[in-house]
Amino acid sequence: LRSFEDALQQVSWLVLFIPLVISSGGNSGSQSATLVITAMTSGD
């Protein structure tokens, strides 16, 4: 985030959506990991 500090100062509204963006990616990744690990454990 610090690497993009200048851009965030120029367009301040981008900061509002950081939690939305990273939580969408993290949650979807966690779902996929759980599904694949469970399927591998069961032999599917």
ModelCIF file with pLDDT and N, C-alpha, C, O atoms, coordinates in Angstrom:
data_MODEL
#
_entry.id   MODEL 
#
_entity.id                         1 
_entity.type                       polymer 
_entity.pdbx_number_of_molecules   1 
#
_entity_poly.entity_id                      1 
_entity_poly.type                           'polypeptide(L)' 
_entity_poly.nstd_linkage                   no 
_entity_poly.nstd_monomer                   no 
_entity_poly.pdbx_seq_one_letter_code       LRSFEDALQQVSWLVLFIPLVISSGGNSGSQSATLVITAMTSGD 
_entity_poly.pdbx_seq_one_letter_code_can   LRSFEDALQQVSWLVLFIPLVISSGGNSGSQSATLVITAMTSGD 
_entity_poly.pdbx_strand_id                 A 
#
loop_
_entity_poly_seq.entity_id 
_entity_poly_seq.num 
_entity_poly_seq.mon_id 
_entity_poly_seq.hetero 
1 1  LEU n 
1 2  ARG n 
1 3  SER n 
1 4  PHE n 
1 5  GLU n 
1 6  ASP n 
1 7  ALA n 
1 8  LEU n 
1 9  GLN n 
1 10 GLN n 
1 11 VAL n 
1 12 SER n 
1 13 TRP n 
1 14 LEU n 
1 15 VAL n 
1 16 LEU n 
1 17 PHE n 
1 18 ILE n 
1 19 PRO n 
1 20 LEU n 
1 21 VAL n 
1 22 ILE n 
1 23 SER n 
1 24 SER n 
1 25 GLY n 
1 26 GLY n 
1 27 ASN n 
1 28 SER n 
1 29 GLY n 
1 30 SER n 
1 31 GLN n 
1 32 SER n 
1 33 ALA n 
1 34 THR n 
1 35 LEU n 
1 36 VAL n 
1 37 ILE n 
1 38 THR n 
1 39 ALA n 
1 40 MET n 
1 41 THR n 
1 42 SER n 
1 43 GLY n 
1 44 ASP n 
#
_struct_asym.id          A 
_struct_asym.entity_id   1 
#
loop_
_ma_qa_metric.id 
_ma_qa_metric.mode 
_ma_qa_metric.name 
_ma_qa_metric.software_group_id 
_ma_qa_metric.type 
1 global pLDDT . pLDDT 
2 local  pLDDT . pLDDT 
#
_ma_qa_metric_global.metric_id      1 
_ma_qa_metric_global.metric_value   80.95 
_ma_qa_metric_global.model_id       1 
_ma_qa_metric_global.ordinal_id     1 
#
loop_
_ma_qa_metric_local.label_asym_id 
_ma_qa_metric_local.label_comp_id 
_ma_qa_metric_local.label_seq_id 
_ma_qa_metric_local.metric_id 
_ma_qa_metric_local.metric_value 
_ma_qa_metric_local.model_id 
_ma_qa_metric_local.ordinal_id 
A LEU 1  2 73.00 1 1  
A ARG 2  2 76.00 1 2  
A SER 3  2 72.00 1 3  
A PHE 4  2 73.00 1 4  
A GLU 5  2 73.00 1 5  
A ASP 6  2 72.00 1 6  
A ALA 7  2 68.00 1 7  
A LEU 8  2 70.00 1 8  
A GLN 9  2 71.00 1 9  
A GLN 10 2 71.00 1 10 
A VAL 11 2 72.00 1 11 
A SER 12 2 73.00 1 12 
A TRP 13 2 78.00 1 13 
A LEU 14 2 79.00 1 14 
A VAL 15 2 82.00 1 15 
A LEU 16 2 82.00 1 16 
A PHE 17 2 84.00 1 17 
A ILE 18 2 85.00 1 18 
A PRO 19 2 85.00 1 19 
A LEU 20 2 87.00 1 20 
A VAL 21 2 87.00 1 21 
A ILE 22 2 85.00 1 22 
A SER 23 2 86.00 1 23 
A SER 24 2 89.00 1 24 
A GLY 25 2 88.00 1 25 
A GLY 26 2 86.00 1 26 
A ASN 27 2 87.00 1 27 
A SER 28 2 90.00 1 28 
A GLY 29 2 87.00 1 29 
A SER 30 2 85.00 1 30 
A GLN 31 2 88.00 1 31 
A SER 32 2 90.00 1 32 
A ALA 33 2 86.00 1 33 
A THR 34 2 84.00 1 34 
A LEU 35 2 88.00 1 35 
A VAL 36 2 89.00 1 36 
A ILE 37 2 84.00 1 37 
A THR 38 2 82.00 1 38 
A ALA 39 2 85.00 1 39 
A MET 40 2 84.00 1 40 
A THR 41 2 75.00 1 41 
A SER 42 2 73.00 1 42 
A GLY 43 2 75.00 1 43 
A ASP 44 2 83.00 1 44 
#
loop_
_atom_site.group_PDB 
_atom_site.id 
_atom_site.type_symbol 
_atom_site.label_atom_id 
_atom_site.label_alt_id 
_atom_site.label_comp_id 
_atom_site.label_asym_id 
_atom_site.label_entity_id 
_atom_site.label_seq_id 
_atom_site.pdbx_PDB_ins_code 
_atom_site.Cartn_x 
_atom_site.Cartn_y 
_atom_site.Cartn_z 
_atom_site.occupancy 
_atom_site.B_iso_or_equiv 
_atom_site.pdbx_formal_charge 
_atom_site.auth_seq_id 
_atom_site.auth_comp_id 
_atom_site.auth_asym_id 
_atom_site.auth_atom_id 
_atom_site.pdbx_PDB_model_num 
ATOM 1   N N  . LEU A 1 1  ? 0.819   -1.208  0.000  1.00 73.00 ? 1  LEU A N  1 
ATOM 2   C CA . LEU A 1 1  ? 0.000   0.000   0.000  1.00 73.00 ? 1  LEU A CA 1 
ATOM 3   C C  . LEU A 1 1  ? 0.855   1.260   0.000  1.00 73.00 ? 1  LEU A C  1 
ATOM 4   O O  . LEU A 1 1  ? 0.532   2.257   -0.646 1.00 73.00 ? 1  LEU A O  1 
ATOM 5   N N  . ARG A 1 2  ? 1.953   1.186   0.742  1.00 76.00 ? 2  ARG A N  1 
ATOM 6   C CA . ARG A 1 2  ? 2.832   2.361   0.822  1.00 76.00 ? 2  ARG A CA 1 
ATOM 7   C C  . ARG A 1 2  ? 3.411   2.707   -0.547 1.00 76.00 ? 2  ARG A C  1 
ATOM 8   O O  . ARG A 1 2  ? 3.640   3.878   -0.850 1.00 76.00 ? 2  ARG A O  1 
ATOM 9   N N  . SER A 1 3  ? 3.647   1.685   -1.374 1.00 72.00 ? 3  SER A N  1 
ATOM 10  C CA . SER A 1 3  ? 4.206   1.906   -2.703 1.00 72.00 ? 3  SER A CA 1 
ATOM 11  C C  . SER A 1 3  ? 3.260   2.713   -3.583 1.00 72.00 ? 3  SER A C  1 
ATOM 12  O O  . SER A 1 3  ? 3.678   3.350   -4.550 1.00 72.00 ? 3  SER A O  1 
ATOM 13  N N  . PHE A 1 4  ? 1.956   2.673   -3.223 1.00 73.00 ? 4  PHE A N  1 
ATOM 14  C CA . PHE A 1 4  ? 0.960   3.401   -4.019 1.00 73.00 ? 4  PHE A CA 1 
ATOM 15  C C  . PHE A 1 4  ? 0.420   4.609   -3.258 1.00 73.00 ? 4  PHE A C  1 
ATOM 16  O O  . PHE A 1 4  ? -0.696  5.065   -3.509 1.00 73.00 ? 4  PHE A O  1 
ATOM 17  N N  . GLU A 1 5  ? 1.217   5.119   -2.331 1.00 73.00 ? 5  GLU A N  1 
ATOM 18  C CA . GLU A 1 5  ? 0.755   6.206   -1.472 1.00 73.00 ? 5  GLU A CA 1 
ATOM 19  C C  . GLU A 1 5  ? 0.387   7.459   -2.274 1.00 73.00 ? 5  GLU A C  1 
ATOM 20  O O  . GLU A 1 5  ? -0.607  8.121   -1.977 1.00 73.00 ? 5  GLU A O  1 
ATOM 21  N N  . ASP A 1 6  ? 1.190   7.778   -3.287 1.00 72.00 ? 6  ASP A N  1 
ATOM 22  C CA . ASP A 1 6  ? 0.925   8.986   -4.082 1.00 72.00 ? 6  ASP A CA 1 
ATOM 23  C C  . ASP A 1 6  ? -0.408  8.871   -4.822 1.00 72.00 ? 6  ASP A C  1 
ATOM 24  O O  . ASP A 1 6  ? -1.190  9.820   -4.866 1.00 72.00 ? 6  ASP A O  1 
ATOM 25  N N  . ALA A 1 7  ? -0.653  7.698   -5.400 1.00 68.00 ? 7  ALA A N  1 
ATOM 26  C CA . ALA A 1 7  ? -1.903  7.504   -6.135 1.00 68.00 ? 7  ALA A CA 1 
ATOM 27  C C  . ALA A 1 7  ? -3.106  7.620   -5.200 1.00 68.00 ? 7  ALA A C  1 
ATOM 28  O O  . ALA A 1 7  ? -4.136  8.178   -5.580 1.00 68.00 ? 7  ALA A O  1 
ATOM 29  N N  . LEU A 1 8  ? -2.980  7.100   -3.987 1.00 70.00 ? 8  LEU A N  1 
ATOM 30  C CA . LEU A 1 8  ? -4.080  7.156   -3.034 1.00 70.00 ? 8  LEU A CA 1 
ATOM 31  C C  . LEU A 1 8  ? -4.365  8.589   -2.585 1.00 70.00 ? 8  LEU A C  1 
ATOM 32  O O  . LEU A 1 8  ? -5.510  8.947   -2.308 1.00 70.00 ? 8  LEU A O  1 
ATOM 33  N N  . GLN A 1 9  ? -3.300  9.412   -2.517 1.00 71.00 ? 9  GLN A N  1 
ATOM 34  C CA . GLN A 1 9  ? -3.502  10.812  -2.131 1.00 71.00 ? 9  GLN A CA 1 
ATOM 35  C C  . GLN A 1 9  ? -4.210  11.580  -3.238 1.00 71.00 ? 9  GLN A C  1 
ATOM 36  O O  . GLN A 1 9  ? -5.005  12.480  -2.971 1.00 71.00 ? 9  GLN A O  1 
ATOM 37  N N  . GLN A 1 10 ? -3.914  11.215  -4.492 1.00 71.00 ? 10 GLN A N  1 
ATOM 38  C CA . GLN A 1 10 ? -4.536  11.907  -5.612 1.00 71.00 ? 10 GLN A CA 1 
ATOM 39  C C  . GLN A 1 10 ? -6.004  11.501  -5.775 1.00 71.00 ? 10 GLN A C  1 
ATOM 40  O O  . GLN A 1 10 ? -6.853  12.327  -6.108 1.00 71.00 ? 10 GLN A O  1 
ATOM 41  N N  . VAL A 1 11 ? -6.291  10.208  -5.533 1.00 72.00 ? 11 VAL A N  1 
ATOM 42  C CA . VAL A 1 11 ? -7.663  9.713   -5.674 1.00 72.00 ? 11 VAL A CA 1 
ATOM 43  C C  . VAL A 1 11 ? -8.057  9.074   -4.342 1.00 72.00 ? 11 VAL A C  1 
ATOM 44  O O  . VAL A 1 11 ? -7.996  7.855   -4.176 1.00 72.00 ? 11 VAL A O  1 
ATOM 45  N N  . SER A 1 12 ? -8.456  9.913   -3.412 1.00 73.00 ? 12 SER A N  1 
ATOM 46  C CA . SER A 1 12 ? -8.659  9.455   -2.031 1.00 73.00 ? 12 SER A CA 1 
ATOM 47  C C  . SER A 1 12 ? -9.779  8.432   -1.890 1.00 73.00 ? 12 SER A C  1 
ATOM 48  O O  . SER A 1 12 ? -9.747  7.614   -0.970 1.00 73.00 ? 12 SER A O  1 
ATOM 49  N N  . TRP A 1 13 ? -10.769 8.459   -2.781 1.00 78.00 ? 13 TRP A N  1 
ATOM 50  C CA . TRP A 1 13 ? -11.900 7.543   -2.626 1.00 78.00 ? 13 TRP A CA 1 
ATOM 51  C C  . TRP A 1 13 ? -11.506 6.074   -2.825 1.00 78.00 ? 13 TRP A C  1 
ATOM 52  O O  . TRP A 1 13 ? -12.250 5.178   -2.427 1.00 78.00 ? 13 TRP A O  1 
ATOM 53  N N  . LEU A 1 14 ? -10.332 5.820   -3.444 1.00 79.00 ? 14 LEU A N  1 
ATOM 54  C CA . LEU A 1 14 ? -9.886  4.434   -3.633 1.00 79.00 ? 14 LEU A CA 1 
ATOM 55  C C  . LEU A 1 14 ? -9.704  3.711   -2.296 1.00 79.00 ? 14 LEU A C  1 
ATOM 56  O O  . LEU A 1 14 ? -9.905  2.501   -2.197 1.00 79.00 ? 14 LEU A O  1 
ATOM 57  N N  . VAL A 1 15 ? -9.319  4.478   -1.270 1.00 82.00 ? 15 VAL A N  1 
ATOM 58  C CA . VAL A 1 15 ? -9.074  3.870   0.054  1.00 82.00 ? 15 VAL A CA 1 
ATOM 59  C C  . VAL A 1 15 ? -10.339 3.222   0.598  1.00 82.00 ? 15 VAL A C  1 
ATOM 60  O O  . VAL A 1 15 ? -10.265 2.212   1.298  1.00 82.00 ? 15 VAL A O  1 
ATOM 61  N N  . LEU A 1 16 ? -11.493 3.788   0.284  1.00 82.00 ? 16 LEU A N  1 
ATOM 62  C CA . LEU A 1 16 ? -12.753 3.281   0.822  1.00 82.00 ? 16 LEU A CA 1 
ATOM 63  C C  . LEU A 1 16 ? -13.023 1.829   0.412  1.00 82.00 ? 16 LEU A C  1 
ATOM 64  O O  . LEU A 1 16 ? -13.698 1.090   1.130  1.00 82.00 ? 16 LEU A O  1 
ATOM 65  N N  . PHE A 1 17 ? -12.493 1.431   -0.740 1.00 84.00 ? 17 PHE A N  1 
ATOM 66  C CA . PHE A 1 17 ? -12.842 0.120   -1.284 1.00 84.00 ? 17 PHE A CA 1 
ATOM 67  C C  . PHE A 1 17 ? -11.754 -0.944  -1.078 1.00 84.00 ? 17 PHE A C  1 
ATOM 68  O O  . PHE A 1 17 ? -11.897 -2.079  -1.534 1.00 84.00 ? 17 PHE A O  1 
ATOM 69  N N  . ILE A 1 18 ? -10.669 -0.570  -0.391 1.00 85.00 ? 18 ILE A N  1 
ATOM 70  C CA . ILE A 1 18 ? -9.594  -1.549  -0.154 1.00 85.00 ? 18 ILE A CA 1 
ATOM 71  C C  . ILE A 1 18 ? -10.093 -2.760  0.635  1.00 85.00 ? 18 ILE A C  1 
ATOM 72  O O  . ILE A 1 18 ? -9.821  -3.890  0.227  1.00 85.00 ? 18 ILE A O  1 
ATOM 73  N N  . PRO A 1 19 ? -10.821 -2.571  1.761  1.00 85.00 ? 19 PRO A N  1 
ATOM 74  C CA . PRO A 1 19 ? -11.327 -3.765  2.485  1.00 85.00 ? 19 PRO A CA 1 
ATOM 75  C C  . PRO A 1 19 ? -12.241 -4.631  1.627  1.00 85.00 ? 19 PRO A C  1 
ATOM 76  O O  . PRO A 1 19 ? -12.205 -5.858  1.714  1.00 85.00 ? 19 PRO A O  1 
ATOM 77  N N  . LEU A 1 20 ? -13.068 -3.981  0.789  1.00 87.00 ? 20 LEU A N  1 
ATOM 78  C CA . LEU A 1 20 ? -14.000 -4.720  -0.066 1.00 87.00 ? 20 LEU A CA 1 
ATOM 79  C C  . LEU A 1 20 ? -13.238 -5.586  -1.071 1.00 87.00 ? 20 LEU A C  1 
ATOM 80  O O  . LEU A 1 20 ? -13.582 -6.750  -1.281 1.00 87.00 ? 20 LEU A O  1 
ATOM 81  N N  . VAL A 1 21 ? -12.215 -5.019  -1.681 1.00 87.00 ? 21 VAL A N  1 
ATOM 82  C CA . VAL A 1 21 ? -11.459 -5.734  -2.714 1.00 87.00 ? 21 VAL A CA 1 
ATOM 83  C C  . VAL A 1 21 ? -10.690 -6.911  -2.125 1.00 87.00 ? 21 VAL A C  1 
ATOM 84  O O  . VAL A 1 21 ? -10.791 -8.032  -2.624 1.00 87.00 ? 21 VAL A O  1 
ATOM 85  N N  . ILE A 1 22 ? -9.919  -6.662  -1.063 1.00 85.00 ? 22 ILE A N  1 
ATOM 86  C CA . ILE A 1 22 ? -9.061  -7.740  -0.549 1.00 85.00 ? 22 ILE A CA 1 
ATOM 87  C C  . ILE A 1 22 ? -9.879  -8.824  0.160  1.00 85.00 ? 22 ILE A C  1 
ATOM 88  O O  . ILE A 1 22 ? -9.500  -9.995  0.142  1.00 85.00 ? 22 ILE A O  1 
ATOM 89  N N  . SER A 1 23 ? -11.002 -8.439  0.786  1.00 86.00 ? 23 SER A N  1 
ATOM 90  C CA . SER A 1 23 ? -11.822 -9.477  1.439  1.00 86.00 ? 23 SER A CA 1 
ATOM 91  C C  . SER A 1 23 ? -12.489 -10.372 0.399  1.00 86.00 ? 23 SER A C  1 
ATOM 92  O O  . SER A 1 23 ? -12.641 -11.573 0.626  1.00 86.00 ? 23 SER A O  1 
ATOM 93  N N  . SER A 1 24 ? -12.891 -9.799  -0.747 1.00 89.00 ? 24 SER A N  1 
ATOM 94  C CA . SER A 1 24 ? -13.493 -10.619 -1.805 1.00 89.00 ? 24 SER A CA 1 
ATOM 95  C C  . SER A 1 24 ? -12.505 -11.660 -2.310 1.00 89.00 ? 24 SER A C  1 
ATOM 96  O O  . SER A 1 24 ? -12.865 -12.822 -2.497 1.00 89.00 ? 24 SER A O  1 
ATOM 97  N N  . GLY A 1 25 ? -11.261 -11.247 -2.530 1.00 88.00 ? 25 GLY A N  1 
ATOM 98  C CA . GLY A 1 25 ? -10.246 -12.191 -2.993 1.00 88.00 ? 25 GLY A CA 1 
ATOM 99  C C  . GLY A 1 25 ? -9.873  -13.208 -1.936 1.00 88.00 ? 25 GLY A C  1 
ATOM 100 O O  . GLY A 1 25 ? -9.763  -14.397 -2.234 1.00 88.00 ? 25 GLY A O  1 
ATOM 101 N N  . GLY A 1 26 ? -9.672  -12.755 -0.689 1.00 86.00 ? 26 GLY A N  1 
ATOM 102 C CA . GLY A 1 26 ? -9.289  -13.672 0.386  1.00 86.00 ? 26 GLY A CA 1 
ATOM 103 C C  . GLY A 1 26 ? -10.357 -14.696 0.685  1.00 86.00 ? 26 GLY A C  1 
ATOM 104 O O  . GLY A 1 26 ? -10.054 -15.872 0.889  1.00 86.00 ? 26 GLY A O  1 
ATOM 105 N N  . ASN A 1 27 ? -11.626 -14.258 0.714  1.00 87.00 ? 27 ASN A N  1 
ATOM 106 C CA . ASN A 1 27 ? -12.725 -15.188 1.000  1.00 87.00 ? 27 ASN A CA 1 
ATOM 107 C C  . ASN A 1 27 ? -12.894 -16.219 -0.105 1.00 87.00 ? 27 ASN A C  1 
ATOM 108 O O  . ASN A 1 27 ? -13.089 -17.403 0.168  1.00 87.00 ? 27 ASN A O  1 
ATOM 109 N N  . SER A 1 28 ? -12.818 -15.768 -1.359 1.00 90.00 ? 28 SER A N  1 
ATOM 110 C CA . SER A 1 28 ? -12.957 -16.723 -2.468 1.00 90.00 ? 28 SER A CA 1 
ATOM 111 C C  . SER A 1 28 ? -11.795 -17.707 -2.493 1.00 90.00 ? 28 SER A C  1 
ATOM 112 O O  . SER A 1 28 ? -11.987 -18.889 -2.780 1.00 90.00 ? 28 SER A O  1 
ATOM 113 N N  . GLY A 1 29 ? -10.581 -17.224 -2.191 1.00 87.00 ? 29 GLY A N  1 
ATOM 114 C CA . GLY A 1 29 ? -9.423  -18.121 -2.138 1.00 87.00 ? 29 GLY A CA 1 
ATOM 115 C C  . GLY A 1 29 ? -9.536  -19.153 -1.033 1.00 87.00 ? 29 GLY A C  1 
ATOM 116 O O  . GLY A 1 29 ? -9.174  -20.315 -1.218 1.00 87.00 ? 29 GLY A O  1 
ATOM 117 N N  . SER A 1 30 ? -10.045 -18.724 0.124  1.00 85.00 ? 30 SER A N  1 
ATOM 118 C CA . SER A 1 30 ? -10.235 -19.654 1.241  1.00 85.00 ? 30 SER A CA 1 
ATOM 119 C C  . SER A 1 30 ? -11.269 -20.720 0.910  1.00 85.00 ? 30 SER A C  1 
ATOM 120 O O  . SER A 1 30 ? -11.098 -21.888 1.260  1.00 85.00 ? 30 SER A O  1 
ATOM 121 N N  . GLN A 1 31 ? -12.353 -20.313 0.231  1.00 88.00 ? 31 GLN A N  1 
ATOM 122 C CA . GLN A 1 31 ? -13.362 -21.286 -0.179 1.00 88.00 ? 31 GLN A CA 1 
ATOM 123 C C  . GLN A 1 31 ? -12.768 -22.336 -1.118 1.00 88.00 ? 31 GLN A C  1 
ATOM 124 O O  . GLN A 1 31 ? -13.001 -23.533 -0.946 1.00 88.00 ? 31 GLN A O  1 
ATOM 125 N N  . SER A 1 32 ? -11.999 -21.881 -2.111 1.00 90.00 ? 32 SER A N  1 
ATOM 126 C CA . SER A 1 32 ? -11.398 -22.812 -3.071 1.00 90.00 ? 32 SER A CA 1 
ATOM 127 C C  . SER A 1 32 ? -10.421 -23.752 -2.383 1.00 90.00 ? 32 SER A C  1 
ATOM 128 O O  . SER A 1 32 ? -10.400 -24.951 -2.662 1.00 90.00 ? 32 SER A O  1 
ATOM 129 N N  . ALA A 1 33 ? -9.608  -23.201 -1.478 1.00 86.00 ? 33 ALA A N  1 
ATOM 130 C CA . ALA A 1 33 ? -8.640  -24.037 -0.766 1.00 86.00 ? 33 ALA A CA 1 
ATOM 131 C C  . ALA A 1 33 ? -9.339  -25.110 0.053  1.00 86.00 ? 33 ALA A C  1 
ATOM 132 O O  . ALA A 1 33 ? -8.915  -26.265 0.057  1.00 86.00 ? 33 ALA A O  1 
ATOM 133 N N  . THR A 1 34 ? -10.416 -24.730 0.751  1.00 84.00 ? 34 THR A N  1 
ATOM 134 C CA . THR A 1 34 ? -11.151 -25.701 1.566  1.00 84.00 ? 34 THR A CA 1 
ATOM 135 C C  . THR A 1 34 ? -11.768 -26.794 0.699  1.00 84.00 ? 34 THR A C  1 
ATOM 136 O O  . THR A 1 34 ? -11.689 -27.975 1.034  1.00 84.00 ? 34 THR A O  1 
ATOM 137 N N  . LEU A 1 35 ? -12.385 -26.400 -0.419 1.00 88.00 ? 35 LEU A N  1 
ATOM 138 C CA . LEU A 1 35 ? -13.006 -27.374 -1.308 1.00 88.00 ? 35 LEU A CA 1 
ATOM 139 C C  . LEU A 1 35 ? -11.989 -28.349 -1.889 1.00 88.00 ? 35 LEU A C  1 
ATOM 140 O O  . LEU A 1 35 ? -12.227 -29.557 -1.912 1.00 88.00 ? 35 LEU A O  1 
ATOM 141 N N  . VAL A 1 36 ? -10.863 -27.834 -2.356 1.00 89.00 ? 36 VAL A N  1 
ATOM 142 C CA . VAL A 1 36 ? -9.857  -28.687 -2.997 1.00 89.00 ? 36 VAL A CA 1 
ATOM 143 C C  . VAL A 1 36 ? -9.173  -29.591 -1.973 1.00 89.00 ? 36 VAL A C  1 
ATOM 144 O O  . VAL A 1 36 ? -8.956  -30.773 -2.241 1.00 89.00 ? 36 VAL A O  1 
ATOM 145 N N  . ILE A 1 37 ? -8.833  -29.047 -0.804 1.00 84.00 ? 37 ILE A N  1 
ATOM 146 C CA . ILE A 1 37 ? -8.184  -29.864 0.226  1.00 84.00 ? 37 ILE A CA 1 
ATOM 147 C C  . ILE A 1 37 ? -9.116  -30.980 0.687  1.00 84.00 ? 37 ILE A C  1 
ATOM 148 O O  . ILE A 1 37 ? -8.686  -32.119 0.865  1.00 84.00 ? 37 ILE A O  1 
ATOM 149 N N  . THR A 1 38 ? -10.397 -30.649 0.881  1.00 82.00 ? 38 THR A N  1 
ATOM 150 C CA . THR A 1 38 ? -11.369 -31.670 1.285  1.00 82.00 ? 38 THR A CA 1 
ATOM 151 C C  . THR A 1 38 ? -11.513 -32.742 0.214  1.00 82.00 ? 38 THR A C  1 
ATOM 152 O O  . THR A 1 38 ? -11.573 -33.932 0.523  1.00 82.00 ? 38 THR A O  1 
ATOM 153 N N  . ALA A 1 39 ? -11.568 -32.319 -1.044 1.00 85.00 ? 39 ALA A N  1 
ATOM 154 C CA . ALA A 1 39 ? -11.703 -33.275 -2.144 1.00 85.00 ? 39 ALA A CA 1 
ATOM 155 C C  . ALA A 1 39 ? -10.464 -34.160 -2.267 1.00 85.00 ? 39 ALA A C  1 
ATOM 156 O O  . ALA A 1 39 ? -10.577 -35.345 -2.581 1.00 85.00 ? 39 ALA A O  1 
ATOM 157 N N  . MET A 1 40 ? -9.282  -33.591 -2.022 1.00 84.00 ? 40 MET A N  1 
ATOM 158 C CA . MET A 1 40 ? -8.048  -34.387 -2.076 1.00 84.00 ? 40 MET A CA 1 
ATOM 159 C C  . MET A 1 40 ? -7.987  -35.371 -0.913 1.00 84.00 ? 40 MET A C  1 
ATOM 160 O O  . MET A 1 40 ? -7.526  -36.502 -1.071 1.00 84.00 ? 40 MET A O  1 
ATOM 161 N N  . THR A 1 41 ? -8.452  -34.935 0.251  1.00 75.00 ? 41 THR A N  1 
ATOM 162 C CA . THR A 1 41 ? -8.437  -35.820 1.423  1.00 75.00 ? 41 THR A CA 1 
ATOM 163 C C  . THR A 1 41 ? -9.371  -37.003 1.231  1.00 75.00 ? 41 THR A C  1 
ATOM 164 O O  . THR A 1 41 ? -9.048  -38.122 1.629  1.00 75.00 ? 41 THR A O  1 
ATOM 165 N N  . SER A 1 42 ? -10.527 -36.763 0.622  1.00 73.00 ? 42 SER A N  1 
ATOM 166 C CA . SER A 1 42 ? -11.495 -37.844 0.403  1.00 73.00 ? 42 SER A CA 1 
ATOM 167 C C  . SER A 1 42 ? -11.142 -38.716 -0.792 1.00 73.00 ? 42 SER A C  1 
ATOM 168 O O  . SER A 1 42 ? -11.761 -39.758 -1.006 1.00 73.00 ? 42 SER A O  1 
ATOM 169 N N  . GLY A 1 43 ? -10.145 -38.293 -1.577 1.00 75.00 ? 43 GLY A N  1 
ATOM 170 C CA . GLY A 1 43 ? -9.758  -39.061 -2.762 1.00 75.00 ? 43 GLY A CA 1 
ATOM 171 C C  . GLY A 1 43 ? -10.539 -38.694 -3.997 1.00 75.00 ? 43 GLY A C  1 
ATOM 172 O O  . GLY A 1 43 ? -10.358 -39.309 -5.048 1.00 75.00 ? 43 GLY A O  1 
ATOM 173 N N  . ASP A 1 44 ? -11.410 -37.697 -3.896 1.00 83.00 ? 44 ASP A N  1 
ATOM 174 C CA . ASP A 1 44 ? -12.221 -37.294 -5.045 1.00 83.00 ? 44 ASP A CA 1 
ATOM 175 C C  . ASP A 1 44 ? -11.377 -36.592 -6.107 1.00 83.00 ? 44 ASP A C  1 
ATOM 176 O O  . ASP A 1 44 ? -11.902 -36.185 -7.144 1.00 83.00 ? 44 ASP A O  1 
#
